[in-house]
Amino acid sequence: MGEGEVFGKASSRASVPAINALCAAFRANASPLVWTRQSVSDDPALAMPPWQYDLADPVVARAVEALRPGAASHAL
């Protein structure tokens, strides 16, 4: 969600304080937190089906690259 990243929208970043407050409440009550992220790869089982996205579209290609392990946008 960082500025300049493909998914880096101000509206997304604006949600961070509310998410942090919710996480703090969960931790204060010893409730579990589960973080998820989408990953893509060229190898099964994380490979994108060829019909799913048009990787010839530069915006789509940039978004898919951001979801690859090792990409800055993929980090938690």
PDB file of N, CA and C in Angstrom:
ATOM      1  N   MET A   1       0.824  -1.198   0.000  1.00  0.00           N
ATOM      2  CA  MET A   1       0.000   0.000   0.000  1.00  0.00           C
ATOM      3  C   MET A   1       0.861   1.253   0.000  1.00  0.00           C
ATOM      4  N   GLY A   2       2.166   1.072  -0.131  1.00  0.00           N
ATOM      5  CA  GLY A   2       3.053   2.220  -0.096  1.00  0.00           C
ATOM      6  C   GLY A   2       2.826   3.174  -1.255  1.00  0.00           C
ATOM      7  N   GLU A   3       3.121   4.436  -1.011  1.00  0.00           N
ATOM      8  CA  GLU A   3       2.964   5.449  -2.047  1.00  0.00           C
ATOM      9  C   GLU A   3       3.812   5.080  -3.255  1.00  0.00           C
ATOM     10  N   GLY A   4       3.221   5.166  -4.431  1.00  0.00           N
ATOM     11  CA  GLY A   4       3.914   4.814  -5.653  1.00  0.00           C
ATOM     12  C   GLY A   4       3.798   3.356  -6.032  1.00  0.00           C
ATOM     13  N   GLU A   5       3.327   2.526  -5.120  1.00  0.00           N
ATOM     14  CA  GLU A   5       3.130   1.107  -5.412  1.00  0.00           C
ATOM     15  C   GLU A   5       1.833   0.931  -6.185  1.00  0.00           C
ATOM     16  N   VAL A   6       1.710  -0.177  -6.891  1.00  0.00           N
ATOM     17  CA  VAL A   6       0.542  -0.413  -7.731  1.00  0.00           C
ATOM     18  C   VAL A   6      -0.763  -0.414  -6.920  1.00  0.00           C
ATOM     19  N   PHE A   7      -0.719  -0.894  -5.684  1.00  0.00           N
ATOM     20  CA  PHE A   7      -1.909  -0.897  -4.833  1.00  0.00           C
ATOM     21  C   PHE A   7      -1.871   0.224  -3.802  1.00  0.00           C
ATOM     22  N   GLY A   8      -0.993   1.194  -3.999  1.00  0.00           N
ATOM     23  CA  GLY A   8      -0.780   2.266  -3.029  1.00  0.00           C
ATOM     24  C   GLY A   8      -1.737   3.433  -3.180  1.00  0.00           C
ATOM     25  N   LYS A   9      -2.922   3.259  -2.712  1.00  0.00           N
ATOM     26  CA  LYS A   9      -3.923   4.327  -2.780  1.00  0.00           C
ATOM     27  C   LYS A   9      -4.038   5.012  -1.419  1.00  0.00           C
ATOM     28  N   ALA A  10      -4.277   6.299  -1.448  1.00  0.00           N
ATOM     29  CA  ALA A  10      -4.433   7.057  -0.201  1.00  0.00           C
ATOM     30  C   ALA A  10      -5.572   6.487   0.632  1.00  0.00           C
ATOM     31  N   SER A  11      -6.643   6.041  -0.014  1.00  0.00           N
ATOM     32  CA  SER A  11      -7.779   5.489   0.734  1.00  0.00           C
ATOM     33  C   SER A  11      -7.386   4.199   1.454  1.00  0.00           C
ATOM     34  N   SER A  12      -6.490   3.422   0.862  1.00  0.00           N
ATOM     35  CA  SER A  12      -6.008   2.212   1.526  1.00  0.00           C
ATOM     36  C   SER A  12      -5.167   2.573   2.741  1.00  0.00           C
ATOM     37  N   ARG A  13      -4.254   3.518   2.550  1.00  0.00           N
ATOM     38  CA  ARG A  13      -3.395   3.935   3.675  1.00  0.00           C
ATOM     39  C   ARG A  13      -4.207   4.570   4.791  1.00  0.00           C
ATOM     40  N   ALA A  14      -5.309   5.220   4.464  1.00  0.00           N
ATOM     41  CA  ALA A  14      -6.152   5.856   5.482  1.00  0.00           C
ATOM     42  C   ALA A  14      -6.796   4.827   6.407  1.00  0.00           C
ATOM     43  N   SER A  15      -6.884   3.578   5.958  1.00  0.00           N
ATOM     44  CA  SER A  15      -7.500   2.533   6.791  1.00  0.00           C
ATOM     45  C   SER A  15      -6.538   1.962   7.835  1.00  0.00           C
ATOM     46  N   VAL A  16      -5.245   2.253   7.714  1.00  0.00           N
ATOM     47  CA  VAL A  16      -4.244   1.652   8.600  1.00  0.00           C
ATOM     48  C   VAL A  16      -4.487   1.971  10.079  1.00  0.00           C
ATOM     49  N   PRO A  17      -4.776   3.212  10.487  1.00  0.00           N
ATOM     50  CA  PRO A  17      -5.011   3.461  11.917  1.00  0.00           C
ATOM     51  C   PRO A  17      -6.176   2.634  12.478  1.00  0.00           C
ATOM     52  N   ALA A  18      -7.243   2.484  11.732  1.00  0.00           N
ATOM     53  CA  ALA A  18      -8.378   1.683  12.209  1.00  0.00           C
ATOM     54  C   ALA A  18      -7.993   0.209  12.314  1.00  0.00           C
ATOM     55  N   ILE A  19      -7.225  -0.279  11.360  1.00  0.00           N
ATOM     56  CA  ILE A  19      -6.771  -1.674  11.411  1.00  0.00           C
ATOM     57  C   ILE A  19      -5.856  -1.876  12.604  1.00  0.00           C
ATOM     58  N   ASN A  20      -4.942  -0.927  12.847  1.00  0.00           N
ATOM     59  CA  ASN A  20      -4.045  -1.041  14.000  1.00  0.00           C
ATOM     60  C   ASN A  20      -4.820  -1.038  15.313  1.00  0.00           C
ATOM     61  N   ALA A  21      -5.841  -0.210  15.412  1.00  0.00           N
ATOM     62  CA  ALA A  21      -6.660  -0.169  16.629  1.00  0.00           C
ATOM     63  C   ALA A  21      -7.398  -1.487  16.828  1.00  0.00           C
ATOM     64  N   LEU A  22      -7.933  -2.037  15.760  1.00  0.00           N
ATOM     65  CA  LEU A  22      -8.622  -3.323  15.847  1.00  0.00           C
ATOM     66  C   LEU A  22      -7.653  -4.431  16.269  1.00  0.00           C
ATOM     67  N   CYS A  23      -6.464  -4.425  15.696  1.00  0.00           N
ATOM     68  CA  CYS A  23      -5.456  -5.424  16.075  1.00  0.00           C
ATOM     69  C   CYS A  23      -5.060  -5.286  17.540  1.00  0.00           C
ATOM     70  N   ALA A  24      -4.922  -4.063  18.001  1.00  0.00           N
ATOM     71  CA  ALA A  24      -4.582  -3.844  19.415  1.00  0.00           C
ATOM     72  C   ALA A  24      -5.672  -4.395  20.316  1.00  0.00           C
ATOM     73  N   ALA A  25      -6.928  -4.214  19.939  1.00  0.00           N
ATOM     74  CA  ALA A  25      -8.041  -4.745  20.735  1.00  0.00           C
ATOM     75  C   ALA A  25      -8.012  -6.271  20.744  1.00  0.00           C
ATOM     76  N   PHE A  26      -7.727  -6.874  19.603  1.00  0.00           N
ATOM     77  CA  PHE A  26      -7.624  -8.335  19.552  1.00  0.00           C
ATOM     78  C   PHE A  26      -6.501  -8.824  20.458  1.00  0.00           C
ATOM     79  N   ARG A  27      -5.339  -8.164  20.358  1.00  0.00           N
ATOM     80  CA  ARG A  27      -4.194  -8.582  21.185  1.00  0.00           C
ATOM     81  C   ARG A  27      -4.497  -8.400  22.670  1.00  0.00           C
ATOM     82  N   ALA A  28      -5.175  -7.326  23.029  1.00  0.00           N
ATOM     83  CA  ALA A  28      -5.505  -7.065  24.428  1.00  0.00           C
ATOM     84  C   ALA A  28      -6.426  -8.140  24.997  1.00  0.00           C
ATOM     85  N   ASN A  29      -7.207  -8.766  24.135  1.00  0.00           N
ATOM     86  CA  ASN A  29      -8.112  -9.833  24.566  1.00  0.00           C
ATOM     87  C   ASN A  29      -7.567 -11.215  24.258  1.00  0.00           C
ATOM     88  N   ALA A  30      -6.279 -11.293  23.922  1.00  0.00           N
ATOM     89  CA  ALA A  30      -5.626 -12.562  23.586  1.00  0.00           C
ATOM     90  C   ALA A  30      -6.361 -13.304  22.470  1.00  0.00           C
ATOM     91  N   SER A  31      -6.944 -12.549  21.559  1.00  0.00           N
ATOM     92  CA  SER A  31      -7.625 -13.146  20.404  1.00  0.00           C
ATOM     93  C   SER A  31      -6.624 -13.323  19.271  1.00  0.00           C
ATOM     94  N   PRO A  32      -6.782 -14.362  18.489  1.00  0.00           N
ATOM     95  CA  PRO A  32      -5.824 -14.582  17.401  1.00  0.00           C
ATOM     96  C   PRO A  32      -5.997 -13.581  16.264  1.00  0.00           C
ATOM     97  N   LEU A  33      -4.891 -13.249  15.639  1.00  0.00           N
ATOM     98  CA  LEU A  33      -4.876 -12.424  14.432  1.00  0.00           C
ATOM     99  C   LEU A  33      -4.352 -13.293  13.302  1.00  0.00           C
ATOM    100  N   VAL A  34      -4.979 -13.202  12.160  1.00  0.00           N
ATOM    101  CA  VAL A  34      -4.536 -13.960  10.996  1.00  0.00           C
ATOM    102  C   VAL A  34      -4.319 -12.980   9.852  1.00  0.00           C
ATOM    103  N   TRP A  35      -3.107 -12.946   9.342  1.00  0.00           N
ATOM    104  CA  TRP A  35      -2.769 -12.078   8.221  1.00  0.00           C
ATOM    105  C   TRP A  35      -2.692 -12.937   6.969  1.00  0.00           C
ATOM    106  N   THR A  36      -3.232 -12.441   5.888  1.00  0.00           N
ATOM    107  CA  THR A  36      -3.183 -13.172   4.626  1.00  0.00           C
ATOM    108  C   THR A  36      -2.633 -12.268   3.536  1.00  0.00           C
ATOM    109  N   ARG A  37      -2.161 -12.887   2.481  1.00  0.00           N
ATOM    110  CA  ARG A  37      -1.730 -12.145   1.303  1.00  0.00           C
ATOM    111  C   ARG A  37      -1.836 -13.067   0.106  1.00  0.00           C
ATOM    112  N   GLN A  38      -2.039 -12.476  -1.038  1.00  0.00           N
ATOM    113  CA  GLN A  38      -2.107 -13.240  -2.271  1.00  0.00           C
ATOM    114  C   GLN A  38      -0.712 -13.333  -2.849  1.00  0.00           C
ATOM    115  N   SER A  39      -0.345 -14.526  -3.295  1.00  0.00           N
ATOM    116  CA  SER A  39       0.941 -14.741  -3.946  1.00  0.00           C
ATOM    117  C   SER A  39       0.718 -15.346  -5.317  1.00  0.00           C
ATOM    118  N   VAL A  40       1.559 -14.968  -6.263  1.00  0.00           N
ATOM    119  CA  VAL A  40       1.517 -15.565  -7.591  1.00  0.00           C
ATOM    120  C   VAL A  40       2.911 -16.046  -7.966  1.00  0.00           C
ATOM    121  N   SER A  41       2.941 -16.992  -8.873  1.00  0.00           N
ATOM    122  CA  SER A  41       4.188 -17.583  -9.330  1.00  0.00           C
ATOM    123  C   SER A  41       3.966 -18.124 -10.731  1.00  0.00           C
ATOM    124  N   ASP A  42       5.027 -18.466 -11.400  1.00  0.00           N
ATOM    125  CA  ASP A  42       4.909 -19.151 -12.685  1.00  0.00           C
ATOM    126  C   ASP A  42       4.807 -20.658 -12.481  1.00  0.00           C
ATOM    127  N   ASP A  43       5.042 -21.107 -11.264  1.00  0.00           N
ATOM    128  CA  ASP A  43       5.030 -22.537 -10.948  1.00  0.00           C
ATOM    129  C   ASP A  43       3.743 -22.923 -10.233  1.00  0.00           C
ATOM    130  N   PRO A  44       3.219 -24.123 -10.508  1.00  0.00           N
ATOM    131  CA  PRO A  44       2.053 -24.597  -9.749  1.00  0.00           C
ATOM    132  C   PRO A  44       2.435 -24.657  -8.280  1.00  0.00           C
ATOM    133  N   ALA A  45       1.652 -24.446  -7.360  1.00  0.00           N
ATOM    134  CA  ALA A  45       0.224 -24.254  -7.381  1.00  0.00           C
ATOM    135  C   ALA A  45      -0.151 -22.778  -7.355  1.00  0.00           C
ATOM    136  N   LEU A  46       0.826 -21.907  -7.452  1.00  0.00           N
ATOM    137  CA  LEU A  46       0.541 -20.464  -7.394  1.00  0.00           C
ATOM    138  C   LEU A  46       0.491 -19.819  -8.770  1.00  0.00           C
ATOM    139  N   ALA A  47       0.577 -20.624  -9.822  1.00  0.00           N
ATOM    140  CA  ALA A  47       0.582 -20.073 -11.179  1.00  0.00           C
ATOM    141  C   ALA A  47      -0.779 -19.474 -11.515  1.00  0.00           C
ATOM    142  N   MET A  48      -0.734 -18.376 -12.243  1.00  0.00           N
ATOM    143  CA  MET A  48      -1.959 -17.725 -12.694  1.00  0.00           C
ATOM    144  C   MET A  48      -2.446 -18.450 -13.952  1.00  0.00           C
ATOM    145  N   PRO A  49      -3.707 -18.845 -14.018  1.00  0.00           N
ATOM    146  CA  PRO A  49      -4.203 -19.452 -15.255  1.00  0.00           C
ATOM    147  C   PRO A  49      -4.135 -18.434 -16.398  1.00  0.00           C
ATOM    148  N   PRO A  50      -3.776 -18.867 -17.590  1.00  0.00           N
ATOM    149  CA  PRO A  50      -3.611 -17.917 -18.685  1.00  0.00           C
ATOM    150  C   PRO A  50      -4.867 -17.121 -19.020  1.00  0.00           C
ATOM    151  N   TRP A  51      -6.020 -17.657 -18.728  1.00  0.00           N
ATOM    152  CA  TRP A  51      -7.273 -16.971 -19.040  1.00  0.00           C
ATOM    153  C   TRP A  51      -7.639 -15.911 -17.995  1.00  0.00           C
ATOM    154  N   GLN A  52      -6.988 -15.945 -16.831  1.00  0.00           N
ATOM    155  CA  GLN A  52      -7.440 -15.102 -15.728  1.00  0.00           C
ATOM    156  C   GLN A  52      -7.105 -13.624 -15.915  1.00  0.00           C
ATOM    157  N   TYR A  53      -5.896 -13.327 -16.368  1.00  0.00           N
ATOM    158  CA  TYR A  53      -5.468 -11.939 -16.509  1.00  0.00           C
ATOM    159  C   TYR A  53      -4.774 -11.745 -17.845  1.00  0.00           C
ATOM    160  N   ASP A  54      -4.917 -10.568 -18.417  1.00  0.00           N
ATOM    161  CA  ASP A  54      -4.235 -10.217 -19.652  1.00  0.00           C
ATOM    162  C   ASP A  54      -2.911  -9.557 -19.284  1.00  0.00           C
ATOM    163  N   LEU A  55      -1.849 -10.356 -19.236  1.00  0.00           N
ATOM    164  CA  LEU A  55      -0.545  -9.831 -18.839  1.00  0.00           C
ATOM    165  C   LEU A  55       0.062  -8.905 -19.887  1.00  0.00           C
ATOM    166  N   ALA A  56      -0.570  -8.804 -21.066  1.00  0.00           N
ATOM    167  CA  ALA A  56      -0.127  -7.835 -22.061  1.00  0.00           C
ATOM    168  C   ALA A  56      -0.506  -6.409 -21.655  1.00  0.00           C
ATOM    169  N   ASP A  57      -1.464  -6.279 -20.755  1.00  0.00           N
ATOM    170  CA  ASP A  57      -1.867  -4.971 -20.229  1.00  0.00           C
ATOM    171  C   ASP A  57      -0.829  -4.559 -19.185  1.00  0.00           C
ATOM    172  N   PRO A  58      -0.114  -3.443 -19.389  1.00  0.00           N
ATOM    173  CA  PRO A  58       0.946  -3.047 -18.456  1.00  0.00           C
ATOM    174  C   PRO A  58       0.479  -2.863 -17.013  1.00  0.00           C
ATOM    175  N   VAL A  59      -0.727  -2.400 -16.810  1.00  0.00           N
ATOM    176  CA  VAL A  59      -1.246  -2.214 -15.445  1.00  0.00           C
ATOM    177  C   VAL A  59      -1.450  -3.573 -14.781  1.00  0.00           C
ATOM    178  N   VAL A  60      -2.011  -4.512 -15.512  1.00  0.00           N
ATOM    179  CA  VAL A  60      -2.225  -5.863 -14.977  1.00  0.00           C
ATOM    180  C   VAL A  60      -0.879  -6.530 -14.697  1.00  0.00           C
ATOM    181  N   ALA A  61       0.050  -6.411 -15.624  1.00  0.00           N
ATOM    182  CA  ALA A  61       1.372  -7.023 -15.437  1.00  0.00           C
ATOM    183  C   ALA A  61       2.058  -6.452 -14.197  1.00  0.00           C
ATOM    184  N   ARG A  62       1.944  -5.147 -13.976  1.00  0.00           N
ATOM    185  CA  ARG A  62       2.555  -4.522 -12.790  1.00  0.00           C
ATOM    186  C   ARG A  62       1.900  -5.037 -11.507  1.00  0.00           C
ATOM    187  N   ALA A  63       0.586  -5.193 -11.525  1.00  0.00           N
ATOM    188  CA  ALA A  63      -0.124  -5.701 -10.346  1.00  0.00           C
ATOM    189  C   ALA A  63       0.284  -7.135 -10.046  1.00  0.00           C
ATOM    190  N   VAL A  64       0.370  -7.968 -11.068  1.00  0.00           N
ATOM    191  CA  VAL A  64       0.764  -9.371 -10.865  1.00  0.00           C
ATOM    192  C   VAL A  64       2.192  -9.436 -10.337  1.00  0.00           C
ATOM    193  N   GLU A  65       3.090  -8.625 -10.869  1.00  0.00           N
ATOM    194  CA  GLU A  65       4.475  -8.621 -10.384  1.00  0.00           C
ATOM    195  C   GLU A  65       4.544  -8.233  -8.909  1.00  0.00           C
ATOM    196  N   ALA A  66       3.662  -7.348  -8.466  1.00  0.00           N
ATOM    197  CA  ALA A  66       3.647  -6.914  -7.067  1.00  0.00           C
ATOM    198  C   ALA A  66       3.226  -8.038  -6.124  1.00  0.00           C
ATOM    199  N   LEU A  67       2.602  -9.066  -6.652  1.00  0.00           N
ATOM    200  CA  LEU A  67       2.109 -10.179  -5.833  1.00  0.00           C
ATOM    201  C   LEU A  67       3.071 -11.355  -5.804  1.00  0.00           C
ATOM    202  N   ARG A  68       4.240 -11.195  -6.403  1.00  0.00           N
ATOM    203  CA  ARG A  68       5.226 -12.273  -6.412  1.00  0.00           C
ATOM    204  C   ARG A  68       6.064 -12.217  -5.136  1.00  0.00           C
ATOM    205  N   PRO A  69       6.353 -13.379  -4.529  1.00  0.00           N
ATOM    206  CA  PRO A  69       7.253 -13.406  -3.370  1.00  0.00           C
ATOM    207  C   PRO A  69       8.587 -12.720  -3.702  1.00  0.00           C
ATOM    208  N   GLY A  70       9.035 -11.880  -2.798  1.00  0.00           N
ATOM    209  CA  GLY A  70      10.250 -11.131  -2.994  1.00  0.00           C
ATOM    210  C   GLY A  70      10.025  -9.708  -3.461  1.00  0.00           C
ATOM    211  N   ALA A  71       8.846  -9.421  -4.020  1.00  0.00           N
ATOM    212  CA  ALA A  71       8.525  -8.060  -4.437  1.00  0.00           C
ATOM    213  C   ALA A  71       8.286  -7.199  -3.190  1.00  0.00           C
ATOM    214  N   ALA A  72       8.683  -5.937  -3.248  1.00  0.00           N
ATOM    215  CA  ALA A  72       8.500  -5.044  -2.096  1.00  0.00           C
ATOM    216  C   ALA A  72       7.022  -4.979  -1.677  1.00  0.00           C
ATOM    217  N   SER A  73       6.124  -4.953  -2.640  1.00  0.00           N
ATOM    218  CA  SER A  73       4.698  -4.866  -2.325  1.00  0.00           C
ATOM    219  C   SER A  73       4.138  -6.140  -1.704  1.00  0.00           C
ATOM    220  N   HIS A  74       4.866  -7.233  -1.837  1.00  0.00           N
ATOM    221  CA  HIS A  74       4.392  -8.516  -1.327  1.00  0.00           C
ATOM    222  C   HIS A  74       4.690  -8.687   0.167  1.00  0.00           C
ATOM    223  N   ALA A  75       5.608  -7.910   0.673  1.00  0.00           N
ATOM    224  CA  ALA A  75       6.001  -8.045   2.079  1.00  0.00           C
ATOM    225  C   ALA A  75       4.873  -7.639   3.020  1.00  0.00           C
ATOM    226  N   LEU A  76       4.871  -8.275   4.181  1.00  0.00           N
ATOM    227  CA  LEU A  76       3.917  -7.890   5.228  1.00  0.00           C
ATOM    228  C   LEU A  76       4.619  -6.968   6.209  1.00  0.00           C
TER     229      LEU A  76
END
